[in-house]
C-alpha atoms as a PDB file:
ATOM      1  CA  MET A   1      -6.726 -18.574  19.615  1.00  0.00           C
ATOM      2  CA  LEU A   2      -4.565 -15.545  18.779  1.00  0.00           C
ATOM      3  CA  SER A   3      -3.109 -15.627  22.304  1.00  0.00           C
ATOM      4  CA  HIS A   4      -0.148 -13.513  21.125  1.00  0.00           C
ATOM      5  CA  LEU A   5      -2.578 -10.575  20.859  1.00  0.00           C
ATOM      6  CA  LYS A   6      -3.441 -10.626  24.579  1.00  0.00           C
ATOM      7  CA  LYS A   7      -0.942  -7.839  25.262  1.00  0.00           C
ATOM      8  CA  TYR A   8      -2.981  -5.476  23.063  1.00  0.00           C
ATOM      9  CA  HIS A   9      -6.051  -3.396  23.708  1.00  0.00           C
ATOM     10  CA  ILE A  10      -7.793  -4.040  20.373  1.00  0.00           C
ATOM     11  CA  ILE A  11      -9.986  -1.220  19.111  1.00  0.00           C
ATOM     12  CA  LEU A  12     -12.343  -1.378  16.151  1.00  0.00           C
ATOM     13  CA  ALA A  13     -12.810   2.170  14.938  1.00  0.00           C
ATOM     14  CA  SER A  14     -16.147   1.733  13.192  1.00  0.00           C
ATOM     15  CA  GLN A  15     -19.748   2.718  13.774  1.00  0.00           C
ATOM     16  CA  SER A  16     -20.920  -0.105  11.510  1.00  0.00           C
ATOM     17  CA  PRO A  17     -23.000  -2.664  13.442  1.00  0.00           C
ATOM     18  CA  ARG A  18     -22.168  -5.200  10.725  1.00  0.00           C
ATOM     19  CA  ARG A  19     -18.398  -4.791  11.198  1.00  0.00           C
ATOM     20  CA  GLN A  20     -18.820  -5.065  14.960  1.00  0.00           C
ATOM     21  CA  GLU A  21     -20.899  -8.245  14.585  1.00  0.00           C
ATOM     22  CA  LEU A  22     -18.367  -9.802  12.198  1.00  0.00           C
ATOM     23  CA  LEU A  23     -15.374  -9.024  14.414  1.00  0.00           C
ATOM     24  CA  ARG A  24     -17.226 -10.473  17.430  1.00  0.00           C
ATOM     25  CA  GLY A  25     -17.425 -13.704  15.415  1.00  0.00           C
ATOM     26  CA  LEU A  26     -13.637 -14.114  15.739  1.00  0.00           C
ATOM     27  CA  ASN A  27     -13.979 -14.366  19.545  1.00  0.00           C
ATOM     28  CA  ILE A  28     -11.309 -11.795  20.297  1.00  0.00           C
ATOM     29  CA  PRO A  29     -11.929  -9.093  22.891  1.00  0.00           C
ATOM     30  CA  PHE A  30     -12.188  -5.588  21.464  1.00  0.00           C
ATOM     31  CA  ASP A  31     -13.693  -2.196  22.148  1.00  0.00           C
ATOM     32  CA  VAL A  32     -15.472   0.058  19.685  1.00  0.00           C
ATOM     33  CA  GLN A  33     -14.491   3.691  19.305  1.00  0.00           C
ATOM     34  CA  ALA A  34     -16.046   5.574  16.433  1.00  0.00           C
ATOM     35  CA  ILE A  35     -14.053   7.919  14.237  1.00  0.00           C
ATOM     36  CA  ASP A  36     -15.872  10.629  12.346  1.00  0.00           C
ATOM     37  CA  ILE A  37     -13.963  11.639   9.223  1.00  0.00           C
ATOM     38  CA  GLU A  38     -14.968  13.071   5.900  1.00  0.00           C
ATOM     39  CA  GLU A  39     -14.734  10.110   3.542  1.00  0.00           C
ATOM     40  CA  SER A  40     -13.070  12.069   0.749  1.00  0.00           C
ATOM     41  CA  TYR A  41     -10.057  10.939  -1.248  1.00  0.00           C
ATOM     42  CA  PRO A  42      -7.838  12.229  -4.079  1.00  0.00           C
ATOM     43  CA  GLU A  43      -9.752  12.022  -7.351  1.00  0.00           C
ATOM     44  CA  GLN A  44      -6.930  10.212  -9.153  1.00  0.00           C
ATOM     45  CA  LEU A  45      -7.411   7.143  -6.935  1.00  0.00           C
ATOM     46  CA  VAL A  46      -9.299   4.223  -8.489  1.00  0.00           C
ATOM     47  CA  GLY A  47     -10.511   0.788  -7.403  1.00  0.00           C
ATOM     48  CA  VAL A  48      -8.624  -0.842  -4.520  1.00  0.00           C
ATOM     49  CA  ASP A  49      -6.638   2.318  -3.750  1.00  0.00           C
ATOM     50  CA  ILE A  50      -9.769   4.142  -2.526  1.00  0.00           C
ATOM     51  CA  PRO A  51     -10.823   1.945   0.426  1.00  0.00           C
ATOM     52  CA  MET A  52      -7.170   1.407   1.393  1.00  0.00           C
ATOM     53  CA  TYR A  53      -6.620   5.168   1.448  1.00  0.00           C
ATOM     54  CA  LEU A  54      -9.785   5.694   3.511  1.00  0.00           C
ATOM     55  CA  ALA A  55      -8.899   2.920   5.992  1.00  0.00           C
ATOM     56  CA  GLU A  56      -5.509   4.601   6.507  1.00  0.00           C
ATOM     57  CA  LYS A  57      -7.158   8.042   6.761  1.00  0.00           C
ATOM     58  CA  LYS A  58      -9.333   6.692   9.575  1.00  0.00           C
ATOM     59  CA  ALA A  59      -6.234   5.277  11.296  1.00  0.00           C
ATOM     60  CA  ASN A  60      -4.463   8.642  10.958  1.00  0.00           C
ATOM     61  CA  ALA A  61      -7.472  10.400  12.516  1.00  0.00           C
ATOM     62  CA  PHE A  62      -7.088   8.116  15.542  1.00  0.00           C
ATOM     63  CA  ALA A  63      -3.323   8.716  15.924  1.00  0.00           C
ATOM     64  CA  ASP A  64      -3.511  10.999  18.955  1.00  0.00           C
ATOM     65  CA  LYS A  65      -5.517   8.364  20.898  1.00  0.00           C
ATOM     66  CA  MET A  66      -3.039   5.541  20.303  1.00  0.00           C
ATOM     67  CA  GLU A  67      -1.284   4.075  23.334  1.00  0.00           C
ATOM     68  CA  LYS A  68       1.620   1.682  23.403  1.00  0.00           C
ATOM     69  CA  ASN A  69      -0.625  -1.383  23.734  1.00  0.00           C
ATOM     70  CA  THR A  70      -3.313  -0.254  21.224  1.00  0.00           C
ATOM     71  CA  LEU A  71      -3.971  -2.398  18.158  1.00  0.00           C
ATOM     72  CA  LEU A  72      -6.337  -0.407  15.966  1.00  0.00           C
ATOM     73  CA  ILE A  73      -8.514  -1.872  13.219  1.00  0.00           C
ATOM     74  CA  THR A  74      -9.988   0.513  10.642  1.00  0.00           C
ATOM     75  CA  ALA A  75     -11.805  -0.402   7.445  1.00  0.00           C
ATOM     76  CA  ASP A  76     -13.653   1.062   4.507  1.00  0.00           C
ATOM     77  CA  THR A  77     -15.803  -0.665   1.900  1.00  0.00           C
ATOM     78  CA  ILE A  78     -16.753   0.534  -1.561  1.00  0.00           C
ATOM     79  CA  VAL A  79     -18.727  -0.845  -4.446  1.00  0.00           C
ATOM     80  CA  TRP A  80     -16.787  -0.477  -7.694  1.00  0.00           C
ATOM     81  CA  HIS A  81     -18.801  -0.713 -10.898  1.00  0.00           C
ATOM     82  CA  ALA A  82     -18.227   0.527 -14.451  1.00  0.00           C
ATOM     83  CA  GLY A  83     -15.145   2.463 -13.367  1.00  0.00           C
ATOM     84  CA  GLN A  84     -17.023   4.342 -10.642  1.00  0.00           C
ATOM     85  CA  VAL A  85     -17.336   4.282  -6.869  1.00  0.00           C
ATOM     86  CA  PHE A  86     -20.795   3.574  -5.545  1.00  0.00           C
ATOM     87  CA  GLY A  87     -20.582   4.888  -2.002  1.00  0.00           C
ATOM     88  CA  LYS A  88     -23.372   5.501   0.489  1.00  0.00           C
ATOM     89  CA  PRO A  89     -26.394   7.020  -1.270  1.00  0.00           C
ATOM     90  CA  ILE A  90     -27.256  10.618  -0.443  1.00  0.00           C
ATOM     91  CA  ASN A  91     -31.012  10.134  -0.923  1.00  0.00           C
ATOM     92  CA  LYS A  92     -33.643   7.786  -2.351  1.00  0.00           C
ATOM     93  CA  ALA A  93     -33.095   8.925  -5.945  1.00  0.00           C
ATOM     94  CA  ASP A  94     -29.372   8.224  -5.621  1.00  0.00           C
ATOM     95  CA  ALA A  95     -30.070   4.779  -4.119  1.00  0.00           C
ATOM     96  CA  THR A  96     -32.517   3.990  -6.943  1.00  0.00           C
ATOM     97  CA  ARG A  97     -29.938   5.044  -9.557  1.00  0.00           C
ATOM     98  CA  MET A  98     -27.267   2.809  -8.016  1.00  0.00           C
ATOM     99  CA  LEU A  99     -29.481  -0.255  -7.738  1.00  0.00           C
ATOM    100  CA  LYS A 100     -30.745   0.146 -11.314  1.00  0.00           C
ATOM    101  CA  SER A 101     -27.136   0.379 -12.474  1.00  0.00           C
ATOM    102  CA  LEU A 102     -26.080  -2.746 -10.531  1.00  0.00           C
ATOM    103  CA  SER A 103     -29.154  -4.738 -11.636  1.00  0.00           C
ATOM    104  CA  GLY A 104     -28.342  -7.630 -13.985  1.00  0.00           C
ATOM    105  CA  LYS A 105     -24.596  -6.963 -13.808  1.00  0.00           C
ATOM    106  CA  THR A 106     -21.456  -7.912 -11.888  1.00  0.00           C
ATOM    107  CA  HIS A 107     -19.746  -5.456  -9.570  1.00  0.00           C
ATOM    108  CA  GLN A 108     -16.847  -5.553  -7.143  1.00  0.00           C
ATOM    109  CA  VAL A 109     -17.057  -4.980  -3.424  1.00  0.00           C
ATOM    110  CA  ILE A 110     -13.661  -3.885  -2.137  1.00  0.00           C
ATOM    111  CA  THR A 111     -12.771  -3.514   1.528  1.00  0.00           C
ATOM    112  CA  GLY A 112      -9.556  -1.904   2.676  1.00  0.00           C
ATOM    113  CA  VAL A 113      -8.407  -2.780   6.197  1.00  0.00           C
ATOM    114  CA  CYS A 114      -5.661  -1.071   8.185  1.00  0.00           C
ATOM    115  CA  LEU A 115      -4.073  -2.619  11.286  1.00  0.00           C
ATOM    116  CA  SER A 116      -2.047  -0.128  13.335  1.00  0.00           C
ATOM    117  CA  THR A 117       0.024   0.078  16.473  1.00  0.00           C
ATOM    118  CA  LEU A 118       2.418   2.848  17.457  1.00  0.00           C
ATOM    119  CA  ASN A 119       5.263   0.944  15.770  1.00  0.00           C
ATOM    120  CA  LYS A 120       3.701  -0.851  12.834  1.00  0.00           C
ATOM    121  CA  ARG A 121       1.023  -0.559  10.192  1.00  0.00           C
ATOM    122  CA  LYS A 122      -0.319  -3.097   7.723  1.00  0.00           C
ATOM    123  CA  THR A 123      -2.945  -2.231   5.102  1.00  0.00           C
ATOM    124  CA  PHE A 124      -4.553  -4.785   2.808  1.00  0.00           C
ATOM    125  CA  HIS A 125      -7.631  -5.180   0.642  1.00  0.00           C
ATOM    126  CA  VAL A 126     -10.057  -7.933  -0.326  1.00  0.00           C
ATOM    127  CA  ILE A 127     -12.194  -8.003  -3.476  1.00  0.00           C
ATOM    128  CA  SER A 128     -15.446  -9.920  -3.931  1.00  0.00           C
ATOM    129  CA  GLU A 129     -17.280 -10.163  -7.263  1.00  0.00           C
ATOM    130  CA  VAL A 130     -21.042  -9.927  -6.824  1.00  0.00           C
ATOM    131  CA  HIS A 131     -23.398 -11.058  -9.595  1.00  0.00           C
ATOM    132  CA  PHE A 132     -26.801  -9.373  -9.394  1.00  0.00           C
ATOM    133  CA  ALA A 133     -29.974 -10.692 -10.984  1.00  0.00           C
ATOM    134  CA  GLN A 134     -32.147  -8.332 -12.990  1.00  0.00           C
ATOM    135  CA  LEU A 135     -34.191  -6.347 -10.471  1.00  0.00           C
ATOM    136  CA  SER A 136     -37.542  -4.864 -11.381  1.00  0.00           C
ATOM    137  CA  SER A 137     -38.420  -1.277 -10.491  1.00  0.00           C
ATOM    138  CA  GLU A 138     -41.007  -2.697  -8.071  1.00  0.00           C
ATOM    139  CA  GLU A 139     -38.362  -4.796  -6.293  1.00  0.00           C
ATOM    140  CA  ILE A 140     -36.026  -1.819  -5.953  1.00  0.00           C
ATOM    141  CA  GLU A 141     -38.867   0.349  -4.652  1.00  0.00           C
ATOM    142  CA  TYR A 142     -39.923  -2.346  -2.167  1.00  0.00           C
ATOM    143  CA  TYR A 143     -36.377  -2.640  -0.838  1.00  0.00           C
ATOM    144  CA  LEU A 144     -35.915   1.117  -0.459  1.00  0.00           C
ATOM    145  CA  GLN A 145     -39.291   1.458   1.296  1.00  0.00           C
ATOM    146  CA  ASN A 146     -38.726  -1.363   3.772  1.00  0.00           C
ATOM    147  CA  TYR A 147     -35.002  -1.380   4.519  1.00  0.00           C
ATOM    148  CA  GLU A 148     -32.258   1.091   5.403  1.00  0.00           C
ATOM    149  CA  PRO A 149     -29.731   1.223   2.554  1.00  0.00           C
ATOM    150  CA  TYR A 150     -28.509   4.749   3.277  1.00  0.00           C
ATOM    151  CA  ASP A 151     -25.529   3.726   5.407  1.00  0.00           C
ATOM    152  CA  LYS A 152     -24.349   1.085   2.935  1.00  0.00           C
ATOM    153  CA  ALA A 153     -21.976   1.303  -0.009  1.00  0.00           C
ATOM    154  CA  GLY A 154     -23.827   0.642  -3.249  1.00  0.00           C
ATOM    155  CA  SER A 155     -27.198   1.169  -1.530  1.00  0.00           C
ATOM    156  CA  TYR A 156     -27.671  -2.400  -0.424  1.00  0.00           C
ATOM    157  CA  GLY A 157     -26.954  -4.860   2.366  1.00  0.00           C
ATOM    158  CA  VAL A 158     -26.214  -8.367   1.120  1.00  0.00           C
ATOM    159  CA  GLN A 159     -27.620  -9.774   4.389  1.00  0.00           C
ATOM    160  CA  GLU A 160     -31.000  -8.114   3.758  1.00  0.00           C
ATOM    161  CA  TRP A 161     -33.967  -8.965   1.527  1.00  0.00           C
ATOM    162  CA  ILE A 162     -32.296  -7.628  -1.608  1.00  0.00           C
ATOM    163  CA  GLY A 163     -29.365  -9.975  -1.068  1.00  0.00           C
ATOM    164  CA  TYR A 164     -31.744 -12.911  -0.835  1.00  0.00           C
ATOM    165  CA  VAL A 165     -33.563 -12.088  -4.059  1.00  0.00           C
ATOM    166  CA  GLY A 166     -30.893 -10.249  -6.018  1.00  0.00           C
ATOM    167  CA  VAL A 167     -27.506 -11.862  -5.463  1.00  0.00           C
ATOM    168  CA  GLU A 168     -27.111 -14.777  -7.868  1.00  0.00           C
ATOM    169  CA  HIS A 169     -23.631 -15.636  -6.671  1.00  0.00           C
ATOM    170  CA  ILE A 170     -20.476 -14.226  -5.146  1.00  0.00           C
ATOM    171  CA  GLU A 171     -16.890 -14.989  -6.068  1.00  0.00           C
ATOM    172  CA  GLY A 172     -14.842 -14.336  -2.959  1.00  0.00           C
ATOM    173  CA  SER A 173     -15.731 -13.559   0.634  1.00  0.00           C
ATOM    174  CA  TYR A 174     -19.404 -13.082   1.538  1.00  0.00           C
ATOM    175  CA  PHE A 175     -18.374 -11.359   4.769  1.00  0.00           C
ATOM    176  CA  ASN A 176     -16.319  -8.890   2.747  1.00  0.00           C
ATOM    177  CA  VAL A 177     -19.540  -7.883   0.999  1.00  0.00           C
ATOM    178  CA  MET A 178     -21.039  -7.305   4.460  1.00  0.00           C
ATOM    179  CA  GLY A 179     -18.137  -4.963   5.225  1.00  0.00           C
ATOM    180  CA  LEU A 180     -15.287  -6.892   6.864  1.00  0.00           C
ATOM    181  CA  PRO A 181     -13.255  -9.733   5.311  1.00  0.00           C
ATOM    182  CA  VAL A 182     -12.927 -11.625   8.581  1.00  0.00           C
ATOM    183  CA  GLN A 183     -11.051 -14.658   7.224  1.00  0.00           C
ATOM    184  CA  ARG A 184      -8.280 -12.463   5.782  1.00  0.00           C
ATOM    185  CA  LEU A 185      -8.326 -10.280   8.915  1.00  0.00           C
ATOM    186  CA  TYR A 186      -7.901 -13.398  11.085  1.00  0.00           C
ATOM    187  CA  THR A 187      -4.980 -14.521   8.916  1.00  0.00           C
ATOM    188  CA  GLU A 188      -3.297 -11.115   9.211  1.00  0.00           C
ATOM    189  CA  LEU A 189      -3.821 -11.029  12.999  1.00  0.00           C
ATOM    190  CA  LYS A 190      -2.429 -14.567  13.288  1.00  0.00           C
ATOM    191  CA  ARG A 191       0.755 -13.391  11.529  1.00  0.00           C
ATOM    192  CA  TRP A 192       0.992 -10.113  13.464  1.00  0.00           C
ATOM    193  CA  LYS A 193       4.406  -9.528  15.024  1.00  0.00           C
ATOM    194  CA  GLU A 194       6.124  -6.367  16.168  1.00  0.00           C
END
């Protein structure tokens, strides 16, 4: 599949083991090269514009490493709730605050993805609606004690214990909530022409 991409050296610019695992699921060869950027953005940006801006910022940071056969994939995921971004928590208190705020409510997980070559760029986003059950303080504490939410937007990983007990249902892509909307990415790669 996707034989038209054989001419490219595909690079996933992400340190996220979840994104790497999800992209491997598409059975396309790729290399991982991490990009370290400050994940800041203009304060007037809201909702979908934030992860799209950050995915493009990551692509821009990689610009000097691009070669003529490079196809670069960058992505950023945020949790959007009550008009606010829930990014990666800075400490346990921040993670507790986020999870208490998400408890019993619906939030959006938005991933922006940027596909880049030297001649072309395509940026898109995918939104999933996640409905959380009411979580007790004990459940939140248990999760924070036993898992590693500090590298995850919104302080949780849907594929971990809290996803099992807390996520009532999802409207949209489950894999998007994990950090990479692989079905949409596959569709965009299938259409890719230069």
